[in-house]
Amino acid sequence: MIQRELLDSAWIPDGEKLELYRHDKDFMIVIGHNELMSTRKWGSEEALATMAYDRIKTARRPHMLIGGYGMGFTLRAALRVLPADSRVTVVELVPEIIQWARGPMAHLTADCLEDPRVTLVMGDVAHVIEEGLGDYDAILLDVDNGPDGLVREDNNVIYSKLGLRAAKRALTPDGVLAIWSAGADPVFARRLEKAGLAVDEVKVHARSNGKGAKHVIWFSTKRE
């Protein structure tokens, strides 16, 4: 039996410890006993990008903000569907995540971070959003485990009333805020509506083959 191998670990600023494991050909990033992401399950992460793009196809030179690189599934899916003149800003808080992407998972990364459309920002996506004013056609958030924070308490700011209002300001008039979550959260869905956003809640299979558990993505647009 092939044993799971610990490759590296990293501390999230003001948060918990992440661990990168390899099991045969698969990689997983875990915190404690919780698997945050894995190369075995990436269907909903890709859907976050492709379904968001479906909603902004008419945008001229679309600019997409992706909060959280993770294992790059969302970024690579975005680059496959976005036009050549688009822009993608990727914000990642943990430096080691990018080191792992360019190190042991380089074959998986497939040079997506070097794509000329991509700008990598190291820092807190909440701060990047706060500085935005009509800058993004789509904001994609796959931070923590969704609104029910698991990794870092400060991430709750992103999903707060103030955070959602900041995201609304950072979007273009027809922009889309897309938020990934491990599960449904009726309280958060109502919070989106109270922030002046029209909400489309979509359930997506975790695996690309349409099997396994379902995750939730909220697609929100500014109300008239």
Protein backbone atom coordinates (compact mmCIF):
# COMPACT_ATOMS: atom_id res chain seq x y z
CA MET A 1 0.00 0.00 0.00
CA ILE A 2 1.33 3.43 -0.98
CA GLN A 3 1.62 5.71 2.05
CA ARG A 4 0.77 9.39 2.03
CA GLU A 5 3.98 11.47 2.02
CA LEU A 6 4.28 14.84 3.72
CA LEU A 7 6.15 17.16 1.35
CA ASP A 8 6.03 20.50 3.15
CA SER A 9 4.05 22.69 5.53
CA ALA A 10 3.28 26.40 5.81
CA TRP A 11 1.67 28.71 8.33
CA ILE A 12 -1.17 30.92 7.21
CA PRO A 13 -0.68 34.49 8.49
CA ASP A 14 -2.69 34.72 11.73
CA GLY A 15 -4.10 31.29 10.98
CA GLU A 16 -3.50 27.55 10.98
CA LYS A 17 -0.84 25.26 9.52
CA LEU A 18 -1.23 23.93 6.00
CA GLU A 19 0.37 20.63 4.98
CA LEU A 20 1.09 19.46 1.47
CA TYR A 21 0.87 15.69 0.93
CA ARG A 22 1.47 13.43 -2.03
CA HIS A 23 -0.27 10.08 -2.38
CA ASP A 24 0.84 8.19 -5.47
CA LYS A 25 0.13 10.68 -8.29
CA ASP A 26 -2.24 12.86 -6.29
CA PHE A 27 -1.59 15.89 -4.11
CA MET A 28 -3.68 17.25 -1.26
CA ILE A 29 -3.46 20.29 0.98
CA VAL A 30 -4.85 19.70 4.46
CA ILE A 31 -5.34 21.53 7.70
CA GLY A 32 -5.51 19.24 10.71
CA HIS A 33 -7.84 16.42 9.69
CA ASN A 34 -9.58 18.51 7.01
CA GLU A 35 -8.65 18.17 3.36
CA LEU A 36 -8.95 21.64 1.85
CA MET A 37 -8.17 20.72 -1.73
CA SER A 38 -7.02 17.76 -3.75
CA THR A 39 -6.08 16.83 -7.29
CA ARG A 40 -8.77 14.16 -7.06
CA LYS A 41 -11.60 16.69 -6.83
CA TRP A 42 -11.65 19.85 -8.90
CA GLY A 43 -14.93 19.98 -10.80
CA SER A 44 -16.51 22.77 -8.75
CA GLU A 45 -13.31 24.82 -8.78
CA GLU A 46 -13.33 24.77 -12.59
CA ALA A 47 -17.05 25.56 -12.66
CA LEU A 48 -16.37 28.66 -10.57
CA ALA A 49 -14.41 30.08 -13.52
CA THR A 50 -16.35 28.76 -16.50
CA MET A 51 -19.78 29.58 -15.13
CA ALA A 52 -18.63 33.06 -14.10
CA TYR A 53 -17.29 33.67 -17.61
CA ASP A 54 -20.61 32.57 -19.10
CA ARG A 55 -22.13 35.51 -17.24
CA ILE A 56 -19.64 38.14 -18.49
CA LYS A 57 -19.10 37.00 -22.10
CA THR A 58 -20.20 40.34 -23.49
CA ALA A 59 -17.58 42.28 -21.51
CA ARG A 60 -14.92 44.03 -23.56
CA ARG A 61 -11.40 42.98 -22.47
CA PRO A 62 -12.76 41.26 -19.36
CA HIS A 63 -10.83 41.60 -16.13
CA MET A 64 -11.25 38.73 -13.65
CA LEU A 65 -10.07 38.76 -10.04
CA ILE A 66 -9.42 35.34 -8.49
CA GLY A 67 -9.07 35.23 -4.71
CA GLY A 68 -7.01 32.21 -3.70
CA TYR A 69 -4.75 30.31 -6.11
CA GLY A 70 -5.17 26.96 -4.34
CA MET A 71 -4.04 24.31 -6.80
CA GLY A 72 -4.75 26.53 -9.79
CA PHE A 73 -7.81 24.71 -11.11
CA THR A 74 -9.90 27.89 -11.22
CA LEU A 75 -7.14 29.89 -12.89
CA ARG A 76 -6.43 27.29 -15.56
CA ALA A 77 -10.13 26.94 -16.34
CA ALA A 78 -10.44 30.73 -16.63
CA LEU A 79 -7.50 30.94 -19.01
CA ARG A 80 -9.05 28.27 -21.24
CA VAL A 81 -12.23 30.28 -21.79
CA LEU A 82 -11.10 33.90 -21.53
CA PRO A 83 -10.14 35.74 -24.73
CA ALA A 84 -6.56 36.68 -25.55
CA ASP A 85 -7.04 40.34 -24.58
CA SER A 86 -8.43 39.56 -21.11
CA ARG A 87 -6.75 40.15 -17.75
CA VAL A 88 -6.66 37.94 -14.68
CA THR A 89 -5.46 39.14 -11.28
CA VAL A 90 -4.71 36.27 -8.90
CA VAL A 91 -4.35 37.07 -5.20
CA GLU A 92 -2.71 34.53 -2.90
CA LEU A 93 -1.98 35.05 0.78
CA VAL A 94 0.42 32.17 1.47
CA PRO A 95 3.79 32.32 -0.36
CA GLU A 96 4.34 28.57 -0.01
CA ILE A 97 1.20 27.88 -2.07
CA ILE A 98 2.92 29.50 -5.05
CA GLN A 99 6.22 27.78 -4.22
CA TRP A 100 4.43 24.41 -4.28
CA ALA A 101 2.76 25.35 -7.57
CA ARG A 102 6.14 26.04 -9.13
CA GLY A 103 7.87 23.16 -7.33
CA PRO A 104 6.37 19.71 -6.70
CA MET A 105 3.17 20.54 -8.61
CA ALA A 106 4.84 22.31 -11.55
CA HIS A 107 3.52 19.75 -14.03
CA LEU A 108 0.00 20.47 -12.79
CA THR A 109 0.49 24.24 -12.86
CA ALA A 110 1.45 24.02 -16.55
CA ASP A 111 2.95 27.53 -16.54
CA CYS A 112 -0.46 29.15 -15.96
CA LEU A 113 1.14 31.71 -13.65
CA GLU A 114 3.43 32.80 -16.47
CA ASP A 115 0.54 33.44 -18.89
CA PRO A 116 0.84 37.08 -20.10
CA ARG A 117 -2.79 37.68 -19.11
CA VAL A 118 -2.03 36.88 -15.46
CA THR A 119 -0.89 39.24 -12.72
CA LEU A 120 0.00 37.55 -9.43
CA VAL A 121 -0.47 39.58 -6.25
CA MET A 122 0.80 38.25 -2.94
CA GLY A 123 -1.45 39.47 -0.15
CA ASP A 124 -4.96 39.54 1.25
CA VAL A 125 -7.69 39.57 -1.40
CA ALA A 126 -9.90 41.59 0.95
CA HIS A 127 -7.45 44.48 0.69
CA VAL A 128 -7.30 44.21 -3.10
CA ILE A 129 -11.09 44.30 -3.30
CA GLU A 130 -11.27 47.31 -0.96
CA GLU A 131 -9.00 49.24 -3.31
CA GLY A 132 -11.13 48.44 -6.36
CA LEU A 133 -13.69 50.78 -7.88
CA GLY A 134 -15.45 49.36 -10.93
CA ASP A 135 -12.29 47.49 -11.88
CA TYR A 136 -13.44 43.89 -12.27
CA ASP A 137 -15.95 42.20 -14.54
CA ALA A 138 -15.86 39.16 -12.26
CA ILE A 139 -14.61 38.54 -8.74
CA LEU A 140 -14.12 34.85 -7.96
CA LEU A 141 -13.64 33.93 -4.33
CA ASP A 142 -12.50 30.48 -3.23
CA VAL A 143 -11.09 31.56 0.10
CA ASP A 144 -11.08 29.35 3.17
CA ASN A 145 -13.96 26.84 3.10
CA GLY A 146 -16.49 29.44 2.05
CA PRO A 147 -18.42 31.80 4.35
CA ASP A 148 -18.12 29.31 7.22
CA GLY A 149 -14.42 30.07 7.79
CA LEU A 150 -12.13 27.21 8.68
CA VAL A 151 -8.59 28.37 7.97
CA ARG A 152 -8.29 31.97 9.12
CA GLU A 153 -10.62 34.11 11.20
CA ASP A 154 -9.73 37.26 9.26
CA ASN A 155 -11.27 35.68 6.15
CA ASN A 156 -14.67 36.33 7.68
CA VAL A 157 -14.24 39.97 6.69
CA ILE A 158 -14.54 39.02 3.02
CA TYR A 159 -17.99 37.52 3.61
CA SER A 160 -19.23 40.22 5.99
CA LYS A 161 -21.65 43.01 5.03
CA LEU A 162 -18.73 45.41 4.64
CA GLY A 163 -16.79 42.92 2.55
CA LEU A 164 -19.70 42.29 0.22
CA ARG A 165 -20.33 46.00 -0.21
CA ALA A 166 -16.65 46.46 -1.08
CA ALA A 167 -16.92 43.69 -3.68
CA LYS A 168 -20.00 45.35 -5.14
CA ARG A 169 -18.08 48.64 -5.50
CA ALA A 170 -15.13 46.85 -7.09
CA LEU A 171 -17.31 45.34 -9.83
CA THR A 172 -18.19 46.92 -13.16
CA PRO A 173 -21.90 47.79 -13.59
CA ASP A 174 -22.60 44.35 -15.13
CA GLY A 175 -20.00 42.51 -13.07
CA VAL A 176 -20.43 39.20 -11.27
CA LEU A 177 -19.37 38.17 -7.79
CA ALA A 178 -18.88 34.37 -7.67
CA ILE A 179 -18.33 32.70 -4.31
CA TRP A 180 -17.43 29.03 -3.79
CA SER A 181 -18.55 27.17 -0.69
CA ALA A 182 -18.23 23.62 0.56
CA GLY A 183 -21.95 23.65 1.37
CA ALA A 184 -25.18 25.62 1.44
CA ASP A 185 -25.57 28.57 3.79
CA PRO A 186 -29.03 30.22 3.80
CA VAL A 187 -27.89 32.92 6.22
CA PHE A 188 -25.09 33.98 3.89
CA ALA A 189 -27.41 33.89 0.86
CA ARG A 190 -29.67 36.38 2.64
CA ARG A 191 -26.65 38.51 3.47
CA LEU A 192 -25.84 38.73 -0.24
CA GLU A 193 -29.36 39.94 -0.95
CA LYS A 194 -29.20 42.50 1.86
CA ALA A 195 -25.99 43.82 0.31
CA GLY A 196 -27.99 44.73 -2.80
CA LEU A 197 -27.02 41.71 -4.89
CA ALA A 198 -29.25 39.45 -6.97
CA VAL A 199 -28.33 35.87 -6.11
CA ASP A 200 -28.22 32.73 -8.25
CA GLU A 201 -27.28 29.72 -6.11
CA VAL A 202 -25.90 26.78 -8.10
CA LYS A 203 -24.97 23.34 -6.80
CA VAL A 204 -22.00 21.74 -8.56
CA HIS A 205 -20.45 18.30 -8.17
CA ALA A 206 -17.03 18.30 -6.56
CA ARG A 207 -15.73 15.86 -9.18
CA SER A 208 -15.58 16.66 -12.89
CA ASN A 209 -17.29 13.35 -13.71
CA GLY A 210 -20.49 14.51 -12.02
CA LYS A 211 -20.10 12.21 -9.04
CA GLY A 212 -19.47 12.74 -5.35
CA ALA A 213 -20.59 15.47 -3.02
CA LYS A 214 -21.96 18.77 -4.26
CA HIS A 215 -20.53 22.19 -3.53
CA VAL A 216 -22.29 25.53 -3.80
CA ILE A 217 -21.45 28.57 -5.90
CA TRP A 218 -23.30 31.85 -5.49
CA PHE A 219 -23.31 34.10 -8.56
CA SER A 220 -24.35 37.61 -7.59
CA THR A 221 -24.96 40.70 -9.68
CA LYS A 222 -25.81 44.27 -8.81
CA ARG A 223 -29.50 44.99 -8.56
CA GLU A 224 -30.97 47.78 -10.65
